[in-house]
C-alpha atoms as a PDB file:
ATOM      1  CA  MET A   1     -34.094  26.810  -9.739  1.00  0.00           C
ATOM      2  CA  THR A   2     -34.333  30.550  -9.271  1.00  0.00           C
ATOM      3  CA  THR A   3     -32.419  32.479 -12.288  1.00  0.00           C
ATOM      4  CA  GLU A   4     -31.043  36.282 -11.909  1.00  0.00           C
ATOM      5  CA  THR A   5     -34.071  37.066 -14.307  1.00  0.00           C
ATOM      6  CA  ASP A   6     -36.234  35.475 -11.769  1.00  0.00           C
ATOM      7  CA  ALA A   7     -35.063  37.423  -8.822  1.00  0.00           C
ATOM      8  CA  ARG A   8     -35.229  40.524 -10.758  1.00  0.00           C
ATOM      9  CA  THR A   9     -38.840  39.772 -11.846  1.00  0.00           C
ATOM     10  CA  ASP A  10     -39.576  38.841  -8.243  1.00  0.00           C
ATOM     11  CA  LEU A  11     -38.137  42.050  -7.022  1.00  0.00           C
ATOM     12  CA  THR A  12     -40.020  44.059  -8.975  1.00  0.00           C
ATOM     13  CA  ARG A  13     -43.133  42.819  -8.028  1.00  0.00           C
ATOM     14  CA  LEU A  14     -42.973  43.308  -4.697  1.00  0.00           C
ATOM     15  CA  ALA A  15     -42.053  46.953  -5.030  1.00  0.00           C
ATOM     16  CA  ASP A  16     -44.587  47.314  -7.095  1.00  0.00           C
ATOM     17  CA  ALA A  17     -47.235  45.680  -4.368  1.00  0.00           C
ATOM     18  CA  LEU A  18     -45.957  47.757  -1.838  1.00  0.00           C
ATOM     19  CA  ARG A  19     -45.895  51.021  -3.594  1.00  0.00           C
ATOM     20  CA  LYS A  20     -49.686  49.962  -4.116  1.00  0.00           C
ATOM     21  CA  ALA A  21     -50.107  48.713  -0.317  1.00  0.00           C
ATOM     22  CA  ARG A  22     -52.580  50.755   1.861  1.00  0.00           C
ATOM     23  CA  SER A  23     -51.663  48.674   4.958  1.00  0.00           C
ATOM     24  CA  VAL A  24     -48.578  46.444   5.408  1.00  0.00           C
ATOM     25  CA  THR A  25     -48.293  43.564   8.756  1.00  0.00           C
ATOM     26  CA  ALA A  26     -44.651  42.315   9.097  1.00  0.00           C
ATOM     27  CA  LEU A  27     -44.456  39.223  10.616  1.00  0.00           C
ATOM     28  CA  CYS A  28     -41.509  37.509  12.743  1.00  0.00           C
ATOM     29  CA  HIS A  29     -40.992  33.748  13.057  1.00  0.00           C
ATOM     30  CA  GLU A  30     -41.642  32.206  16.328  1.00  0.00           C
ATOM     31  CA  ASN A  31     -38.590  32.421  18.807  1.00  0.00           C
ATOM     32  CA  PRO A  32     -37.405  35.468  17.084  1.00  0.00           C
ATOM     33  CA  ASP A  33     -33.826  36.440  16.245  1.00  0.00           C
ATOM     34  CA  ALA A  34     -32.030  39.357  14.948  1.00  0.00           C
ATOM     35  CA  ASP A  35     -32.682  38.751  11.263  1.00  0.00           C
ATOM     36  CA  THR A  36     -36.384  38.164  11.799  1.00  0.00           C
ATOM     37  CA  VAL A  37     -36.503  41.692  13.985  1.00  0.00           C
ATOM     38  CA  GLY A  38     -34.662  43.585  12.057  1.00  0.00           C
ATOM     39  CA  ALA A  39     -36.259  42.309   8.548  1.00  0.00           C
ATOM     40  CA  ALA A  40     -40.051  42.805   9.972  1.00  0.00           C
ATOM     41  CA  ILE A  41     -38.935  46.352  11.393  1.00  0.00           C
ATOM     42  CA  ALA A  42     -37.581  47.066   8.060  1.00  0.00           C
ATOM     43  CA  VAL A  43     -40.933  46.290   5.970  1.00  0.00           C
ATOM     44  CA  ALA A  44     -42.830  48.141   8.344  1.00  0.00           C
ATOM     45  CA  LEU A  45     -40.478  51.187   8.233  1.00  0.00           C
ATOM     46  CA  ILE A  46     -40.583  50.846   4.586  1.00  0.00           C
ATOM     47  CA  ALA A  47     -44.500  50.741   4.381  1.00  0.00           C
ATOM     48  CA  ALA A  48     -44.630  54.037   6.312  1.00  0.00           C
ATOM     49  CA  ARG A  49     -41.977  55.633   4.188  1.00  0.00           C
ATOM     50  CA  LEU A  50     -44.490  54.788   1.257  1.00  0.00           C
ATOM     51  CA  GLY A  51     -47.524  56.230   3.238  1.00  0.00           C
ATOM     52  CA  ALA A  52     -49.005  52.900   4.213  1.00  0.00           C
ATOM     53  CA  ASP A  53     -50.358  51.602   7.673  1.00  0.00           C
ATOM     54  CA  SER A  54     -48.142  49.096   9.362  1.00  0.00           C
ATOM     55  CA  GLU A  55     -47.348  46.755  12.394  1.00  0.00           C
ATOM     56  CA  ILE A  56     -44.721  44.437  13.355  1.00  0.00           C
ATOM     57  CA  VAL A  57     -46.168  41.120  14.423  1.00  0.00           C
ATOM     58  CA  SER A  58     -43.923  38.180  16.757  1.00  0.00           C
ATOM     59  CA  VAL A  59     -45.825  35.463  18.537  1.00  0.00           C
ATOM     60  CA  ASP A  60     -43.035  35.573  20.924  1.00  0.00           C
ATOM     61  CA  LYS A  61     -41.519  38.808  22.661  1.00  0.00           C
ATOM     62  CA  PRO A  62     -38.336  39.716  20.920  1.00  0.00           C
ATOM     63  CA  ALA A  63     -35.351  39.794  23.197  1.00  0.00           C
ATOM     64  CA  PRO A  64     -34.280  42.836  25.424  1.00  0.00           C
ATOM     65  CA  MET A  65     -31.018  43.110  23.457  1.00  0.00           C
ATOM     66  CA  PHE A  66     -33.208  44.137  20.426  1.00  0.00           C
ATOM     67  CA  ASP A  67     -34.194  47.552  22.570  1.00  0.00           C
ATOM     68  CA  PHE A  68     -32.408  49.575  20.697  1.00  0.00           C
ATOM     69  CA  LEU A  69     -34.230  49.211  17.836  1.00  0.00           C
ATOM     70  CA  PRO A  70     -36.697  51.546  16.317  1.00  0.00           C
ATOM     71  CA  ARG A  71     -40.241  50.818  16.628  1.00  0.00           C
ATOM     72  CA  ILE A  72     -39.468  47.592  18.648  1.00  0.00           C
ATOM     73  CA  ASP A  73     -41.931  48.729  21.468  1.00  0.00           C
ATOM     74  CA  GLU A  74     -44.605  48.756  18.671  1.00  0.00           C
ATOM     75  CA  VAL A  75     -44.292  44.641  18.282  1.00  0.00           C
ATOM     76  CA  ARG A  76     -47.241  43.283  19.057  1.00  0.00           C
ATOM     77  CA  ALA A  77     -48.399  39.407  19.748  1.00  0.00           C
ATOM     78  CA  ARG A  78     -51.508  39.568  17.360  1.00  0.00           C
ATOM     79  CA  PRO A  79     -52.158  41.539  14.225  1.00  0.00           C
ATOM     80  CA  ARG A  80     -54.680  44.393  14.125  1.00  0.00           C
ATOM     81  CA  LEU A  81     -54.682  45.520  10.130  1.00  0.00           C
ATOM     82  CA  GLU A  82     -56.320  43.969   8.011  1.00  0.00           C
ATOM     83  CA  PRO A  83     -53.567  44.246   5.368  1.00  0.00           C
ATOM     84  CA  ASP A  84     -53.165  44.376   1.822  1.00  0.00           C
ATOM     85  CA  LEU A  85     -50.039  42.831   2.383  1.00  0.00           C
ATOM     86  CA  ALA A  86     -49.133  40.545   5.000  1.00  0.00           C
ATOM     87  CA  VAL A  87     -45.175  39.661   4.478  1.00  0.00           C
ATOM     88  CA  VAL A  88     -43.495  36.673   6.569  1.00  0.00           C
ATOM     89  CA  CYS A  89     -39.864  37.673   7.101  1.00  0.00           C
ATOM     90  CA  ASP A  90     -36.947  34.936   7.399  1.00  0.00           C
ATOM     91  CA  ALA A  91     -39.304  31.763   7.545  1.00  0.00           C
ATOM     92  CA  ALA A  92     -38.560  28.806   5.358  1.00  0.00           C
ATOM     93  CA  THR A  93     -42.169  27.639   5.725  1.00  0.00           C
ATOM     94  CA  LEU A  94     -45.313  29.343   6.865  1.00  0.00           C
ATOM     95  CA  GLN A  95     -45.909  27.592  10.078  1.00  0.00           C
ATOM     96  CA  ARG A  96     -42.583  29.296  11.383  1.00  0.00           C
ATOM     97  CA  VAL A  97     -45.255  32.304  12.682  1.00  0.00           C
ATOM     98  CA  GLY A  98     -45.946  29.791  14.915  1.00  0.00           C
ATOM     99  CA  ARG A  99     -49.582  29.717  15.917  1.00  0.00           C
ATOM    100  CA  ILE A 100     -50.827  32.730  13.794  1.00  0.00           C
ATOM    101  CA  ALA A 101     -50.428  30.124  10.909  1.00  0.00           C
ATOM    102  CA  VAL A 102     -53.315  28.462  12.329  1.00  0.00           C
ATOM    103  CA  GLU A 103     -55.678  31.011  14.654  1.00  0.00           C
ATOM    104  CA  TYR A 104     -55.309  33.293  11.952  1.00  0.00           C
ATOM    105  CA  ALA A 105     -55.718  31.188   8.888  1.00  0.00           C
ATOM    106  CA  ASP A 106     -58.876  33.308   7.708  1.00  0.00           C
ATOM    107  CA  TRP A 107     -56.857  36.777   8.141  1.00  0.00           C
ATOM    108  CA  LEU A 108     -54.171  35.065   5.993  1.00  0.00           C
ATOM    109  CA  GLY A 109     -56.547  34.001   3.496  1.00  0.00           C
ATOM    110  CA  ARG A 110     -57.938  37.379   2.950  1.00  0.00           C
ATOM    111  CA  THR A 111     -54.493  39.359   2.300  1.00  0.00           C
ATOM    112  CA  CYS A 112     -51.366  39.071  -0.603  1.00  0.00           C
ATOM    113  CA  LEU A 113     -49.140  36.755   1.472  1.00  0.00           C
ATOM    114  CA  VAL A 114     -45.635  37.837   0.809  1.00  0.00           C
ATOM    115  CA  ASN A 115     -42.673  35.722   1.441  1.00  0.00           C
ATOM    116  CA  VAL A 116     -39.186  37.039   1.974  1.00  0.00           C
ATOM    117  CA  ASP A 117     -36.309  34.972   2.891  1.00  0.00           C
ATOM    118  CA  HIS A 118     -32.918  33.599   2.245  1.00  0.00           C
ATOM    119  CA  HIS A 119     -33.224  29.906   3.624  1.00  0.00           C
ATOM    120  CA  VAL A 120     -32.159  27.331   0.823  1.00  0.00           C
ATOM    121  CA  SER A 121     -35.079  24.977   2.076  1.00  0.00           C
ATOM    122  CA  ASN A 122     -37.885  27.830   2.014  1.00  0.00           C
ATOM    123  CA  ASP A 123     -41.122  26.483   0.127  1.00  0.00           C
ATOM    124  CA  ARG A 124     -42.016  29.668  -1.519  1.00  0.00           C
ATOM    125  CA  PHE A 125     -45.356  29.525   0.202  1.00  0.00           C
ATOM    126  CA  GLY A 126     -46.004  33.374  -0.787  1.00  0.00           C
ATOM    127  CA  GLN A 127     -48.458  34.503  -3.527  1.00  0.00           C
ATOM    128  CA  LEU A 128     -45.114  36.773  -3.772  1.00  0.00           C
ATOM    129  CA  ASN A 129     -41.605  35.142  -2.994  1.00  0.00           C
ATOM    130  CA  LEU A 130     -38.586  37.072  -2.758  1.00  0.00           C
ATOM    131  CA  VAL A 131     -36.137  34.621  -1.876  1.00  0.00           C
ATOM    132  CA  ASP A 132     -32.736  34.563  -1.998  1.00  0.00           C
ATOM    133  CA  PRO A 133     -30.673  31.603  -0.849  1.00  0.00           C
ATOM    134  CA  THR A 134     -27.367  33.226  -1.761  1.00  0.00           C
ATOM    135  CA  ALA A 135     -27.517  36.272   0.994  1.00  0.00           C
ATOM    136  CA  ALA A 136     -26.272  36.037   4.247  1.00  0.00           C
ATOM    137  CA  ALA A 137     -29.142  37.246   5.726  1.00  0.00           C
ATOM    138  CA  THR A 138     -33.012  38.201   4.953  1.00  0.00           C
ATOM    139  CA  CYS A 139     -32.352  41.881   5.882  1.00  0.00           C
ATOM    140  CA  GLU A 140     -29.529  41.755   3.154  1.00  0.00           C
ATOM    141  CA  VAL A 141     -32.551  40.919   0.551  1.00  0.00           C
ATOM    142  CA  LEU A 142     -34.403  43.682   1.875  1.00  0.00           C
ATOM    143  CA  ALA A 143     -31.774  46.315   1.563  1.00  0.00           C
ATOM    144  CA  ARG A 144     -31.862  45.415  -2.066  1.00  0.00           C
ATOM    145  CA  LEU A 145     -35.529  45.699  -2.259  1.00  0.00           C
ATOM    146  CA  VAL A 146     -35.135  49.354  -0.795  1.00  0.00           C
ATOM    147  CA  ASP A 147     -32.742  50.342  -3.740  1.00  0.00           C
ATOM    148  CA  GLU A 148     -35.225  49.035  -6.170  1.00  0.00           C
ATOM    149  CA  LEU A 149     -37.961  51.168  -4.544  1.00  0.00           C
ATOM    150  CA  GLY A 150     -35.864  54.277  -5.047  1.00  0.00           C
ATOM    151  CA  LEU A 151     -36.275  54.905  -1.445  1.00  0.00           C
ATOM    152  CA  LYS A 152     -33.172  56.958   0.725  1.00  0.00           C
ATOM    153  CA  MET A 153     -31.595  55.074   3.268  1.00  0.00           C
ATOM    154  CA  ASP A 154     -32.067  56.824   6.865  1.00  0.00           C
ATOM    155  CA  ALA A 155     -30.678  55.846   9.867  1.00  0.00           C
ATOM    156  CA  ASP A 156     -33.551  53.831  11.699  1.00  0.00           C
ATOM    157  CA  LEU A 157     -33.553  51.542   8.188  1.00  0.00           C
ATOM    158  CA  ALA A 158     -30.149  50.873   8.251  1.00  0.00           C
ATOM    159  CA  THR A 159     -30.099  50.247  12.068  1.00  0.00           C
ATOM    160  CA  ALA A 160     -32.776  47.553  11.187  1.00  0.00           C
ATOM    161  CA  LEU A 161     -31.168  45.989   8.133  1.00  0.00           C
ATOM    162  CA  LEU A 162     -27.657  46.207   9.827  1.00  0.00           C
ATOM    163  CA  THR A 163     -28.652  44.179  13.135  1.00  0.00           C
ATOM    164  CA  GLY A 164     -29.993  41.375  10.946  1.00  0.00           C
ATOM    165  CA  ILE A 165     -26.958  41.167   8.565  1.00  0.00           C
ATOM    166  CA  VAL A 166     -24.622  41.232  11.541  1.00  0.00           C
ATOM    167  CA  ARG A 167     -26.156  38.492  13.252  1.00  0.00           C
ATOM    168  CA  ASP A 168     -26.778  36.330  10.505  1.00  0.00           C
ATOM    169  CA  SER A 169     -23.184  36.762   9.334  1.00  0.00           C
ATOM    170  CA  HIS A 170     -21.863  36.165  12.761  1.00  0.00           C
ATOM    171  CA  GLY A 171     -19.974  39.487  12.654  1.00  0.00           C
ATOM    172  CA  PHE A 172     -19.282  38.888   8.774  1.00  0.00           C
ATOM    173  CA  ALA A 173     -17.554  35.424   9.690  1.00  0.00           C
ATOM    174  CA  ASP A 174     -20.133  32.975   8.204  1.00  0.00           C
ATOM    175  CA  GLY A 175     -19.512  31.425   5.076  1.00  0.00           C
ATOM    176  CA  ALA A 176     -22.282  33.124   3.066  1.00  0.00           C
ATOM    177  CA  THR A 177     -20.643  36.279   3.630  1.00  0.00           C
ATOM    178  CA  SER A 178     -19.896  37.681   0.047  1.00  0.00           C
ATOM    179  CA  GLY A 179     -18.670  40.898  -1.023  1.00  0.00           C
ATOM    180  CA  GLY A 180     -21.887  41.564  -1.795  1.00  0.00           C
ATOM    181  CA  THR A 181     -22.559  41.772   1.742  1.00  0.00           C
ATOM    182  CA  LEU A 182     -20.101  43.932   2.883  1.00  0.00           C
ATOM    183  CA  ARG A 183     -20.544  46.491   0.249  1.00  0.00           C
ATOM    184  CA  ILE A 184     -24.157  46.318   1.702  1.00  0.00           C
ATOM    185  CA  ALA A 185     -23.394  46.598   5.234  1.00  0.00           C
ATOM    186  CA  ALA A 186     -20.846  49.437   4.240  1.00  0.00           C
ATOM    187  CA  SER A 187     -23.693  51.437   2.792  1.00  0.00           C
ATOM    188  CA  LEU A 188     -25.601  50.790   5.868  1.00  0.00           C
ATOM    189  CA  VAL A 189     -23.235  52.305   8.110  1.00  0.00           C
ATOM    190  CA  ASP A 190     -22.936  55.250   5.767  1.00  0.00           C
ATOM    191  CA  ALA A 191     -26.389  55.746   6.281  1.00  0.00           C
ATOM    192  CA  GLY A 192     -26.100  56.081  10.296  1.00  0.00           C
ATOM    193  CA  ALA A 193     -26.587  52.486  11.566  1.00  0.00           C
ATOM    194  CA  PRO A 194     -24.000  52.259  14.519  1.00  0.00           C
ATOM    195  CA  LEU A 195     -22.026  49.001  13.585  1.00  0.00           C
ATOM    196  CA  ALA A 196     -20.358  49.040  17.091  1.00  0.00           C
ATOM    197  CA  GLN A 197     -23.450  49.463  19.137  1.00  0.00           C
ATOM    198  CA  ILE A 198     -25.044  46.345  17.116  1.00  0.00           C
ATOM    199  CA  HIS A 199     -22.605  44.363  17.277  1.00  0.00           C
ATOM    200  CA  ARG A 200     -22.223  44.855  21.155  1.00  0.00           C
ATOM    201  CA  SER A 201     -25.626  44.415  21.521  1.00  0.00           C
ATOM    202  CA  ILE A 202     -26.209  41.214  19.875  1.00  0.00           C
ATOM    203  CA  LEU A 203     -22.784  39.623  19.804  1.00  0.00           C
ATOM    204  CA  GLY A 204     -20.901  40.900  22.662  1.00  0.00           C
ATOM    205  CA  GLU A 205     -22.818  41.694  25.627  1.00  0.00           C
ATOM    206  CA  MET A 206     -24.186  38.906  28.326  1.00  0.00           C
ATOM    207  CA  PRO A 207     -26.145  39.691  31.317  1.00  0.00           C
ATOM    208  CA  TYR A 208     -25.231  37.354  34.375  1.00  0.00           C
ATOM    209  CA  ALA A 209     -28.146  35.294  34.326  1.00  0.00           C
ATOM    210  CA  GLN A 210     -27.823  34.522  30.624  1.00  0.00           C
ATOM    211  CA  MET A 211     -24.031  33.242  31.557  1.00  0.00           C
ATOM    212  CA  ALA A 212     -25.357  31.239  34.365  1.00  0.00           C
ATOM    213  CA  LEU A 213     -27.822  29.421  31.888  1.00  0.00           C
ATOM    214  CA  TRP A 214     -24.927  28.999  29.517  1.00  0.00           C
ATOM    215  CA  GLY A 215     -22.967  27.202  32.298  1.00  0.00           C
ATOM    216  CA  ARG A 216     -25.803  24.767  32.733  1.00  0.00           C
ATOM    217  CA  MET A 217     -25.901  23.908  29.149  1.00  0.00           C
ATOM    218  CA  LEU A 218     -22.030  23.771  28.689  1.00  0.00           C
ATOM    219  CA  ASN A 219     -21.999  21.710  31.609  1.00  0.00           C
ATOM    220  CA  GLU A 220     -24.166  19.150  30.241  1.00  0.00           C
ATOM    221  CA  ILE A 221     -22.198  18.771  26.924  1.00  0.00           C
ATOM    222  CA  GLY A 222     -21.609  15.632  25.135  1.00  0.00           C
ATOM    223  CA  GLN A 223     -20.040  14.436  22.344  1.00  0.00           C
ATOM    224  CA  SER A 224     -20.254  11.357  19.791  1.00  0.00           C
ATOM    225  CA  ALA A 225     -18.624   9.778  16.806  1.00  0.00           C
ATOM    226  CA  ASP A 226     -14.782  10.666  18.410  1.00  0.00           C
ATOM    227  CA  GLY A 227     -15.539  14.204  18.910  1.00  0.00           C
ATOM    228  CA  ARG A 228     -17.192  14.984  15.442  1.00  0.00           C
ATOM    229  CA  ILE A 229     -20.561  15.519  16.856  1.00  0.00           C
ATOM    230  CA  VAL A 230     -20.969  17.612  19.885  1.00  0.00           C
ATOM    231  CA  TYR A 231     -24.545  18.532  21.764  1.00  0.00           C
ATOM    232  CA  THR A 232     -26.167  19.513  24.825  1.00  0.00           C
ATOM    233  CA  VAL A 233     -29.762  20.251  25.589  1.00  0.00           C
ATOM    234  CA  LEU A 234     -31.981  23.296  27.126  1.00  0.00           C
ATOM    235  CA  THR A 235     -34.241  22.103  29.671  1.00  0.00           C
ATOM    236  CA  GLN A 236     -37.406  24.077  31.116  1.00  0.00           C
ATOM    237  CA  ARG A 237     -35.648  23.596  34.569  1.00  0.00           C
ATOM    238  CA  MET A 238     -32.503  25.265  33.704  1.00  0.00           C
ATOM    239  CA  LEU A 239     -34.765  28.052  32.466  1.00  0.00           C
ATOM    240  CA  ASP A 240     -36.320  28.196  36.053  1.00  0.00           C
ATOM    241  CA  GLU A 241     -33.365  28.123  37.879  1.00  0.00           C
ATOM    242  CA  THR A 242     -31.632  30.977  36.090  1.00  0.00           C
ATOM    243  CA  GLY A 243     -34.705  33.007  35.556  1.00  0.00           C
ATOM    244  CA  THR A 244     -34.105  33.183  31.856  1.00  0.00           C
ATOM    245  CA  GLN A 245     -35.845  32.652  28.575  1.00  0.00           C
ATOM    246  CA  GLN A 246     -35.779  30.430  25.353  1.00  0.00           C
ATOM    247  CA  HIS A 247     -33.978  33.416  23.669  1.00  0.00           C
ATOM    248  CA  ASP A 248     -31.181  33.742  26.412  1.00  0.00           C
ATOM    249  CA  ALA A 249     -29.909  30.278  24.657  1.00  0.00           C
ATOM    250  CA  ASP A 250     -29.055  31.794  21.261  1.00  0.00           C
ATOM    251  CA  GLY A 251     -25.721  31.811  20.314  1.00  0.00           C
ATOM    252  CA  VAL A 252     -24.603  28.655  22.458  1.00  0.00           C
ATOM    253  CA  VAL A 253     -24.773  26.439  19.362  1.00  0.00           C
ATOM    254  CA  GLU A 254     -22.435  28.778  17.397  1.00  0.00           C
ATOM    255  CA  PHE A 255     -19.896  29.198  20.537  1.00  0.00           C
ATOM    256  CA  MET A 256     -20.204  24.883  20.521  1.00  0.00           C
ATOM    257  CA  ALA A 257     -19.319  24.754  16.937  1.00  0.00           C
ATOM    258  CA  GLN A 258     -16.044  26.147  17.883  1.00  0.00           C
ATOM    259  CA  ALA A 259     -15.286  23.085  19.421  1.00  0.00           C
ATOM    260  CA  LYS A 260     -11.823  21.744  17.599  1.00  0.00           C
ATOM    261  CA  GLY A 261     -12.625  18.437  15.349  1.00  0.00           C
ATOM    262  CA  ALA A 262     -16.944  18.994  15.447  1.00  0.00           C
ATOM    263  CA  ASP A 263     -18.692  18.690  12.317  1.00  0.00           C
ATOM    264  CA  VAL A 264     -21.881  18.339  13.615  1.00  0.00           C
ATOM    265  CA  THR A 265     -23.135  20.757  16.819  1.00  0.00           C
ATOM    266  CA  LEU A 266     -26.556  20.386  18.116  1.00  0.00           C
ATOM    267  CA  LEU A 267     -28.522  22.035  21.053  1.00  0.00           C
ATOM    268  CA  LEU A 268     -32.025  20.440  21.667  1.00  0.00           C
ATOM    269  CA  ARG A 269     -34.410  22.586  23.421  1.00  0.00           C
ATOM    270  CA  GLU A 270     -37.220  21.338  25.525  1.00  0.00           C
ATOM    271  CA  LEU A 271     -40.573  23.225  24.291  1.00  0.00           C
ATOM    272  CA  GLY A 272     -43.038  20.701  26.151  1.00  0.00           C
ATOM    273  CA  PRO A 273     -43.379  17.039  27.300  1.00  0.00           C
ATOM    274  CA  ALA A 274     -43.060  15.612  23.823  1.00  0.00           C
ATOM    275  CA  GLU A 275     -41.724  18.789  21.974  1.00  0.00           C
ATOM    276  CA  THR A 276     -37.880  19.279  21.304  1.00  0.00           C
ATOM    277  CA  ARG A 277     -36.462  22.391  19.122  1.00  0.00           C
ATOM    278  CA  VAL A 278     -33.329  21.015  17.294  1.00  0.00           C
ATOM    279  CA  SER A 279     -30.725  23.975  16.047  1.00  0.00           C
ATOM    280  CA  ILE A 280     -27.889  22.281  13.945  1.00  0.00           C
ATOM    281  CA  ARG A 281     -24.706  23.921  12.861  1.00  0.00           C
ATOM    282  CA  THR A 282     -22.030  21.872  10.683  1.00  0.00           C
ATOM    283  CA  THR A 283     -18.836  22.044   8.875  1.00  0.00           C
ATOM    284  CA  ASP A 284     -18.793  21.811   4.989  1.00  0.00           C
ATOM    285  CA  ALA A 285     -18.500  18.221   5.641  1.00  0.00           C
ATOM    286  CA  VAL A 286     -21.921  17.612   6.414  1.00  0.00           C
ATOM    287  CA  ASP A 287     -24.970  19.309   4.835  1.00  0.00           C
ATOM    288  CA  ALA A 288     -27.422  20.765   7.678  1.00  0.00           C
ATOM    289  CA  THR A 289     -30.449  20.283   5.829  1.00  0.00           C
ATOM    290  CA  SER A 290     -30.333  16.807   5.453  1.00  0.00           C
ATOM    291  CA  ILE A 291     -30.320  15.987   8.961  1.00  0.00           C
ATOM    292  CA  ALA A 292     -33.316  18.609   9.373  1.00  0.00           C
ATOM    293  CA  ALA A 293     -35.063  17.319   6.383  1.00  0.00           C
ATOM    294  CA  ARG A 294     -35.624  13.830   8.443  1.00  0.00           C
ATOM    295  CA  PHE A 295     -37.734  15.739  10.988  1.00  0.00           C
ATOM    296  CA  GLY A 296     -39.709  17.723   8.463  1.00  0.00           C
ATOM    297  CA  GLY A 297     -37.302  20.784   9.164  1.00  0.00           C
ATOM    298  CA  GLY A 298     -34.886  22.693   7.199  1.00  0.00           C
ATOM    299  CA  GLY A 299     -32.379  25.558   6.709  1.00  0.00           C
ATOM    300  CA  HIS A 300     -29.027  26.338   5.190  1.00  0.00           C
ATOM    301  CA  ARG A 301     -26.471  23.660   4.096  1.00  0.00           C
ATOM    302  CA  ARG A 302     -24.376  24.774   7.681  1.00  0.00           C
ATOM    303  CA  ARG A 303     -27.613  26.094   9.634  1.00  0.00           C
ATOM    304  CA  ALA A 304     -30.553  24.236  10.034  1.00  0.00           C
ATOM    305  CA  GLY A 305     -33.595  23.631  12.403  1.00  0.00           C
ATOM    306  CA  CYS A 306     -36.166  21.141  13.365  1.00  0.00           C
ATOM    307  CA  THR A 307     -38.866  19.909  15.730  1.00  0.00           C
ATOM    308  CA  VAL A 308     -38.472  16.354  16.743  1.00  0.00           C
ATOM    309  CA  HIS A 309     -41.877  15.540  18.663  1.00  0.00           C
ATOM    310  CA  LEU A 310     -40.575  13.625  21.677  1.00  0.00           C
ATOM    311  CA  HIS A 311     -39.121  14.481  25.292  1.00  0.00           C
ATOM    312  CA  VAL A 312     -35.816  16.185  25.228  1.00  0.00           C
ATOM    313  CA  ASN A 313     -33.709  13.082  26.277  1.00  0.00           C
ATOM    314  CA  ASP A 314     -35.441  10.875  23.840  1.00  0.00           C
ATOM    315  CA  ALA A 315     -34.818  13.363  21.073  1.00  0.00           C
ATOM    316  CA  VAL A 316     -31.022  12.977  21.870  1.00  0.00           C
ATOM    317  CA  ASN A 317     -31.297   9.294  21.082  1.00  0.00           C
ATOM    318  CA  GLU A 318     -33.496   9.700  18.032  1.00  0.00           C
ATOM    319  CA  LEU A 319     -31.026  12.023  16.207  1.00  0.00           C
ATOM    320  CA  MET A 320     -27.781   9.742  16.851  1.00  0.00           C
ATOM    321  CA  PRO A 321     -28.495   7.255  14.839  1.00  0.00           C
ATOM    322  CA  GLY A 322     -27.197   7.799  11.350  1.00  0.00           C
ATOM    323  CA  LEU A 323     -25.946  11.200  12.013  1.00  0.00           C
ATOM    324  CA  SER A 324     -22.126  10.199  12.135  1.00  0.00           C
ATOM    325  CA  PRO A 325     -20.044  11.977   9.509  1.00  0.00           C
ATOM    326  CA  SER A 326     -18.047  10.254   7.553  1.00  0.00           C
ATOM    327  CA  PRO A 327     -14.065  11.151   8.314  1.00  0.00           C
ATOM    328  CA  ALA A 328     -12.814  14.065   6.101  1.00  0.00           C
ATOM    329  CA  SER A 329     -10.875  12.630   3.281  1.00  0.00           C
END
């Protein structure tokens, strides 16, 4: 277990490494969400402020909803720098960066690998690790790093950080939201982050095609264990018929989790003939990481994910046994 002293040491070590770096690559996890995108952009902005070359890498293109973010047009699918630091943002394991972990294994081996995250299941894969499972978002962790570096928060950096915090805290409604989270968010708004625009862009607006996709997924909704498990699937056919992409399904599992009486909510995404990505949301009655761990996944107590190497229809049947939560006492 990481103590407060250990956390302070990790923060100081990473700050020192960033000050010395001449080039920095910030890496998103695959199927990037707001926290990994905001964190990677923040790392690149921090590195640039410290005088280093920097780049932002994501194997999957970020969704158009993030077009308001600074440097979003610079995100590339492959690294080009030979960095002093490769900073993986918001990933519990190195494998979450996708094919870069395999195709660029030699490249990763030549750099100092940094792991910045907030998942309780993080396996501390970096040579430097800054992991705080109590934080609502990886961007919250990075906001503390900005203070440690003594950098003045500007509007661009504040916008990137607040984007991740707003999304991962579900608009400050998630149980992981602390007084510290709110104080950091307030300081970012004071620095120029447009809270209303961020909230509208990532939580409020939805294009018609995305609405059509959600309609298809909600039409396939199912329940088990007297409604205490709620689930649906996302198939490639749904994406093709609505002209949408995987990221357009982001948020639907949180919407489904509002089902009264549901303790476990699942979204099963078809990624291939024998590959299904599972998003898991739970109430306090069930530990989501215990479900994800059965298939080599991880995350947080109430939000986790895993990959099941089966067709999406077979994955539903594989997940259900042993999943039924006990009645609340």
